[in-house]
Amino acid sequence: MNTGARCQSSSWPGYCAAVWAFLFALPSFYWAAGGEAGSGTIAAEIDEVTGGQAWLVALTGVFKVAAGLLTLALVQPWGLRLPRGPLLATVWLVGVGFTLYGLLNFLDHLLMVSGLRETPEALGETAARWHLLFWDPWWLLGGALFSLATWRYQRRSRP
């Protein structure tokens, strides 16, 4: 296998993580702009969760775009201009953070849906099921992609 093919085959997690993050940012920007479709999958009372502050929802979209750019830095030539150590530490932290967030929320929502823990009124039972079956696994997928992208980059770019 030539070096170019090996490099390409080890880059796919970085590209997938970036696509994951950019796709994940879209609903945040949509909801921040006042869109309502799908907001019931997040919470029964979305304004109660955000305090009616659309900029908070938009900020989550900005963070998701920034996370996607971080993973692109792992696989794009312009990323070589960034210091390797801080880049690795940051993307590892993001990947582990996404994984823990998804896992802990999955367990919490599982307790809610199974009736072992009361579902907060602002969240609602419908949104709790959406979190358990869609949003929490989505966070876990992101954590796995970010972690795999970072691990591949770390192996590929050893000094």
C-alpha atoms as a PDB file:
ATOM      1  CA  MET A   1       0.000   0.000   0.000  1.00  0.00           C
ATOM      2  CA  ASN A   2       1.417   3.391  -0.886  1.00  0.00           C
ATOM      3  CA  THR A   3       1.693   6.194   1.664  1.00  0.00           C
ATOM      4  CA  GLY A   4      -1.087   8.254   0.052  1.00  0.00           C
ATOM      5  CA  ALA A   5      -3.571   5.389   0.258  1.00  0.00           C
ATOM      6  CA  ARG A   6      -2.551   4.623   3.843  1.00  0.00           C
ATOM      7  CA  CYS A   7      -2.971   8.276   4.804  1.00  0.00           C
ATOM      8  CA  GLN A   8      -6.396   8.435   3.143  1.00  0.00           C
ATOM      9  CA  SER A   9      -7.586   5.241   4.808  1.00  0.00           C
ATOM     10  CA  SER A  10      -6.552   6.553   8.214  1.00  0.00           C
ATOM     11  CA  SER A  11      -8.239   9.932   7.650  1.00  0.00           C
ATOM     12  CA  TRP A  12     -11.853   8.801   7.322  1.00  0.00           C
ATOM     13  CA  PRO A  13     -12.673   9.114  11.058  1.00  0.00           C
ATOM     14  CA  GLY A  14     -11.606  12.773  10.997  1.00  0.00           C
ATOM     15  CA  TYR A  15     -13.843  13.529   8.038  1.00  0.00           C
ATOM     16  CA  CYS A  16     -16.738  11.549   9.543  1.00  0.00           C
ATOM     17  CA  ALA A  17     -16.352  13.384  12.862  1.00  0.00           C
ATOM     18  CA  ALA A  18     -16.413  16.729  11.040  1.00  0.00           C
ATOM     19  CA  VAL A  19     -19.558  15.777   9.104  1.00  0.00           C
ATOM     20  CA  TRP A  20     -21.136  14.577  12.370  1.00  0.00           C
ATOM     21  CA  ALA A  21     -20.377  17.918  14.049  1.00  0.00           C
ATOM     22  CA  PHE A  22     -21.546  20.073  11.125  1.00  0.00           C
ATOM     23  CA  LEU A  23     -24.790  18.094  10.801  1.00  0.00           C
ATOM     24  CA  PHE A  24     -25.300  18.343  14.559  1.00  0.00           C
ATOM     25  CA  ALA A  25     -24.889  22.130  14.400  1.00  0.00           C
ATOM     26  CA  LEU A  26     -27.710  22.578  11.873  1.00  0.00           C
ATOM     27  CA  PRO A  27     -30.653  22.000  14.245  1.00  0.00           C
ATOM     28  CA  SER A  28     -29.051  24.299  16.819  1.00  0.00           C
ATOM     29  CA  PHE A  29     -28.957  27.166  14.329  1.00  0.00           C
ATOM     30  CA  TYR A  30     -32.469  26.328  13.107  1.00  0.00           C
ATOM     31  CA  TRP A  31     -33.908  26.350  16.631  1.00  0.00           C
ATOM     32  CA  ALA A  32     -31.975  29.500  17.534  1.00  0.00           C
ATOM     33  CA  ALA A  33     -33.542  31.210  14.510  1.00  0.00           C
ATOM     34  CA  GLY A  34     -37.006  30.372  15.847  1.00  0.00           C
ATOM     35  CA  GLY A  35     -37.666  27.058  14.119  1.00  0.00           C
ATOM     36  CA  GLU A  36     -39.911  24.771  16.116  1.00  0.00           C
ATOM     37  CA  ALA A  37     -39.944  21.504  14.167  1.00  0.00           C
ATOM     38  CA  GLY A  38     -38.201  18.824  16.190  1.00  0.00           C
ATOM     39  CA  SER A  39     -37.788  20.954  19.312  1.00  0.00           C
ATOM     40  CA  GLY A  40     -40.069  18.545  21.166  1.00  0.00           C
ATOM     41  CA  THR A  41     -37.321  15.940  20.838  1.00  0.00           C
ATOM     42  CA  ILE A  42     -35.108  18.112  23.051  1.00  0.00           C
ATOM     43  CA  ALA A  43     -37.546  19.168  25.762  1.00  0.00           C
ATOM     44  CA  ALA A  44     -41.248  19.631  26.411  1.00  0.00           C
ATOM     45  CA  GLU A  45     -40.581  23.252  27.346  1.00  0.00           C
ATOM     46  CA  ILE A  46     -37.536  24.337  25.337  1.00  0.00           C
ATOM     47  CA  ASP A  47     -37.798  27.946  26.552  1.00  0.00           C
ATOM     48  CA  GLU A  48     -37.696  26.719  30.136  1.00  0.00           C
ATOM     49  CA  VAL A  49     -34.490  24.825  29.414  1.00  0.00           C
ATOM     50  CA  THR A  50     -32.774  27.743  27.636  1.00  0.00           C
ATOM     51  CA  GLY A  51     -34.391  30.535  29.598  1.00  0.00           C
ATOM     52  CA  GLY A  52     -35.780  31.824  26.292  1.00  0.00           C
ATOM     53  CA  GLN A  53     -32.261  32.814  25.228  1.00  0.00           C
ATOM     54  CA  ALA A  54     -31.903  31.861  21.558  1.00  0.00           C
ATOM     55  CA  TRP A  55     -28.258  32.923  21.622  1.00  0.00           C
ATOM     56  CA  LEU A  56     -27.508  30.002  23.976  1.00  0.00           C
ATOM     57  CA  VAL A  57     -28.846  27.564  21.405  1.00  0.00           C
ATOM     58  CA  ALA A  58     -26.878  29.332  18.648  1.00  0.00           C
ATOM     59  CA  LEU A  59     -23.751  29.138  20.803  1.00  0.00           C
ATOM     60  CA  THR A  60     -24.089  25.343  20.967  1.00  0.00           C
ATOM     61  CA  GLY A  61     -24.129  25.376  17.160  1.00  0.00           C
ATOM     62  CA  VAL A  62     -20.964  27.478  17.098  1.00  0.00           C
ATOM     63  CA  PHE A  63     -19.247  25.028  19.463  1.00  0.00           C
ATOM     64  CA  LYS A  64     -20.269  22.106  17.247  1.00  0.00           C
ATOM     65  CA  VAL A  65     -18.853  23.833  14.149  1.00  0.00           C
ATOM     66  CA  ALA A  66     -15.628  24.562  16.057  1.00  0.00           C
ATOM     67  CA  ALA A  67     -15.427  20.893  17.062  1.00  0.00           C
ATOM     68  CA  GLY A  68     -15.822  19.880  13.416  1.00  0.00           C
ATOM     69  CA  LEU A  69     -13.008  22.226  12.422  1.00  0.00           C
ATOM     70  CA  LEU A  70     -10.801  20.630  15.082  1.00  0.00           C
ATOM     71  CA  THR A  71     -11.209  17.199  13.525  1.00  0.00           C
ATOM     72  CA  LEU A  72     -10.558  18.624  10.073  1.00  0.00           C
ATOM     73  CA  ALA A  73      -7.279  19.966  11.462  1.00  0.00           C
ATOM     74  CA  LEU A  74      -6.321  16.330  12.065  1.00  0.00           C
ATOM     75  CA  VAL A  75      -6.705  15.395   8.394  1.00  0.00           C
ATOM     76  CA  GLN A  76      -6.132  18.592   6.385  1.00  0.00           C
ATOM     77  CA  PRO A  77      -2.721  20.030   5.446  1.00  0.00           C
ATOM     78  CA  TRP A  78      -3.504  23.341   7.193  1.00  0.00           C
ATOM     79  CA  GLY A  79      -3.757  21.404  10.464  1.00  0.00           C
ATOM     80  CA  LEU A  80      -0.008  20.750  10.322  1.00  0.00           C
ATOM     81  CA  ARG A  81       0.532  24.411  11.206  1.00  0.00           C
ATOM     82  CA  LEU A  82      -1.128  23.870  14.586  1.00  0.00           C
ATOM     83  CA  PRO A  83       0.934  22.640  17.549  1.00  0.00           C
ATOM     84  CA  ARG A  84       0.534  18.852  17.692  1.00  0.00           C
ATOM     85  CA  GLY A  85       0.359  18.503  21.495  1.00  0.00           C
ATOM     86  CA  PRO A  86      -2.384  21.060  22.190  1.00  0.00           C
ATOM     87  CA  LEU A  87      -4.382  19.853  19.162  1.00  0.00           C
ATOM     88  CA  LEU A  88      -4.224  16.242  20.343  1.00  0.00           C
ATOM     89  CA  ALA A  89      -5.106  17.176  23.922  1.00  0.00           C
ATOM     90  CA  THR A  90      -8.049  19.305  22.814  1.00  0.00           C
ATOM     91  CA  VAL A  91      -9.573  16.764  20.443  1.00  0.00           C
ATOM     92  CA  TRP A  92      -9.026  13.923  22.941  1.00  0.00           C
ATOM     93  CA  LEU A  93     -10.771  16.027  25.587  1.00  0.00           C
ATOM     94  CA  VAL A  94     -13.676  16.752  23.247  1.00  0.00           C
ATOM     95  CA  GLY A  95     -14.008  13.093  22.229  1.00  0.00           C
ATOM     96  CA  VAL A  96     -13.932  11.819  25.800  1.00  0.00           C
ATOM     97  CA  GLY A  97     -16.285  14.629  26.853  1.00  0.00           C
ATOM     98  CA  PHE A  98     -18.816  13.739  24.138  1.00  0.00           C
ATOM     99  CA  THR A  99     -18.595  10.068  25.107  1.00  0.00           C
ATOM    100  CA  LEU A 100     -19.106  10.723  28.814  1.00  0.00           C
ATOM    101  CA  TYR A 101     -21.920  13.180  28.131  1.00  0.00           C
ATOM    102  CA  GLY A 102     -23.687  10.655  25.902  1.00  0.00           C
ATOM    103  CA  LEU A 103     -23.140   7.753  28.287  1.00  0.00           C
ATOM    104  CA  LEU A 104     -24.206   9.555  31.464  1.00  0.00           C
ATOM    105  CA  ASN A 105     -27.266  11.034  29.778  1.00  0.00           C
ATOM    106  CA  PHE A 106     -28.135   7.664  28.251  1.00  0.00           C
ATOM    107  CA  LEU A 107     -28.095   6.079  31.707  1.00  0.00           C
ATOM    108  CA  ASP A 108     -30.104   8.953  33.204  1.00  0.00           C
ATOM    109  CA  HIS A 109     -32.714   8.846  30.426  1.00  0.00           C
ATOM    110  CA  LEU A 110     -32.876   5.052  30.700  1.00  0.00           C
ATOM    111  CA  LEU A 111     -33.781   5.450  34.375  1.00  0.00           C
ATOM    112  CA  MET A 112     -36.455   7.996  33.442  1.00  0.00           C
ATOM    113  CA  VAL A 113     -37.993   5.962  30.635  1.00  0.00           C
ATOM    114  CA  SER A 114     -37.987   2.795  32.750  1.00  0.00           C
ATOM    115  CA  GLY A 115     -39.770   4.644  35.573  1.00  0.00           C
ATOM    116  CA  LEU A 116     -36.932   4.298  38.079  1.00  0.00           C
ATOM    117  CA  ARG A 117     -36.405   8.053  38.141  1.00  0.00           C
ATOM    118  CA  GLU A 118     -38.912  10.842  37.747  1.00  0.00           C
ATOM    119  CA  THR A 119     -38.757  12.669  34.426  1.00  0.00           C
ATOM    120  CA  PRO A 120     -38.434  16.431  34.933  1.00  0.00           C
ATOM    121  CA  GLU A 121     -41.502  18.290  33.703  1.00  0.00           C
ATOM    122  CA  ALA A 122     -39.433  20.626  31.505  1.00  0.00           C
ATOM    123  CA  LEU A 123     -37.934  17.601  29.719  1.00  0.00           C
ATOM    124  CA  GLY A 124     -41.119  15.562  29.365  1.00  0.00           C
ATOM    125  CA  GLU A 125     -41.540  11.858  28.723  1.00  0.00           C
ATOM    126  CA  THR A 126     -41.553  12.184  24.925  1.00  0.00           C
ATOM    127  CA  ALA A 127     -38.258  14.066  24.874  1.00  0.00           C
ATOM    128  CA  ALA A 128     -36.765  11.611  27.395  1.00  0.00           C
ATOM    129  CA  ARG A 129     -37.483   8.777  24.941  1.00  0.00           C
ATOM    130  CA  TRP A 130     -35.997  10.814  22.076  1.00  0.00           C
ATOM    131  CA  HIS A 131     -32.869  11.410  24.122  1.00  0.00           C
ATOM    132  CA  LEU A 132     -32.569   7.736  25.030  1.00  0.00           C
ATOM    133  CA  LEU A 133     -33.107   6.420  21.509  1.00  0.00           C
ATOM    134  CA  PHE A 134     -31.598   9.185  19.355  1.00  0.00           C
ATOM    135  CA  TRP A 135     -29.761  12.100  20.979  1.00  0.00           C
ATOM    136  CA  ASP A 136     -27.718  10.149  23.538  1.00  0.00           C
ATOM    137  CA  PRO A 137     -26.554   7.566  20.969  1.00  0.00           C
ATOM    138  CA  TRP A 138     -25.774  10.495  18.631  1.00  0.00           C
ATOM    139  CA  TRP A 139     -23.458  11.969  21.295  1.00  0.00           C
ATOM    140  CA  LEU A 140     -21.865   8.537  21.779  1.00  0.00           C
ATOM    141  CA  LEU A 141     -21.286   8.248  18.032  1.00  0.00           C
ATOM    142  CA  GLY A 142     -19.622  11.664  18.028  1.00  0.00           C
ATOM    143  CA  GLY A 143     -17.430  10.702  20.959  1.00  0.00           C
ATOM    144  CA  ALA A 144     -16.377   7.504  19.210  1.00  0.00           C
ATOM    145  CA  LEU A 145     -15.613   9.327  15.945  1.00  0.00           C
ATOM    146  CA  PHE A 146     -13.635  12.097  17.661  1.00  0.00           C
ATOM    147  CA  SER A 147     -11.670   9.591  19.732  1.00  0.00           C
ATOM    148  CA  LEU A 148     -10.938   7.352  16.747  1.00  0.00           C
ATOM    149  CA  ALA A 149      -9.914  10.353  14.626  1.00  0.00           C
ATOM    150  CA  THR A 150      -7.553  11.533  17.351  1.00  0.00           C
ATOM    151  CA  TRP A 151      -6.079   8.077  17.904  1.00  0.00           C
ATOM    152  CA  ARG A 152      -5.484   7.650  14.157  1.00  0.00           C
ATOM    153  CA  TYR A 153      -3.901  11.111  13.915  1.00  0.00           C
ATOM    154  CA  GLN A 154      -1.709  10.401  16.938  1.00  0.00           C
ATOM    155  CA  ARG A 155      -0.416   7.169  15.389  1.00  0.00           C
ATOM    156  CA  ARG A 156       0.071   8.746  11.961  1.00  0.00           C
ATOM    157  CA  SER A 157       1.870  11.875  13.170  1.00  0.00           C
ATOM    158  CA  ARG A 158       4.279  10.475  15.749  1.00  0.00           C
ATOM    159  CA  PRO A 159       7.384  12.653  15.978  1.00  0.00           C
END
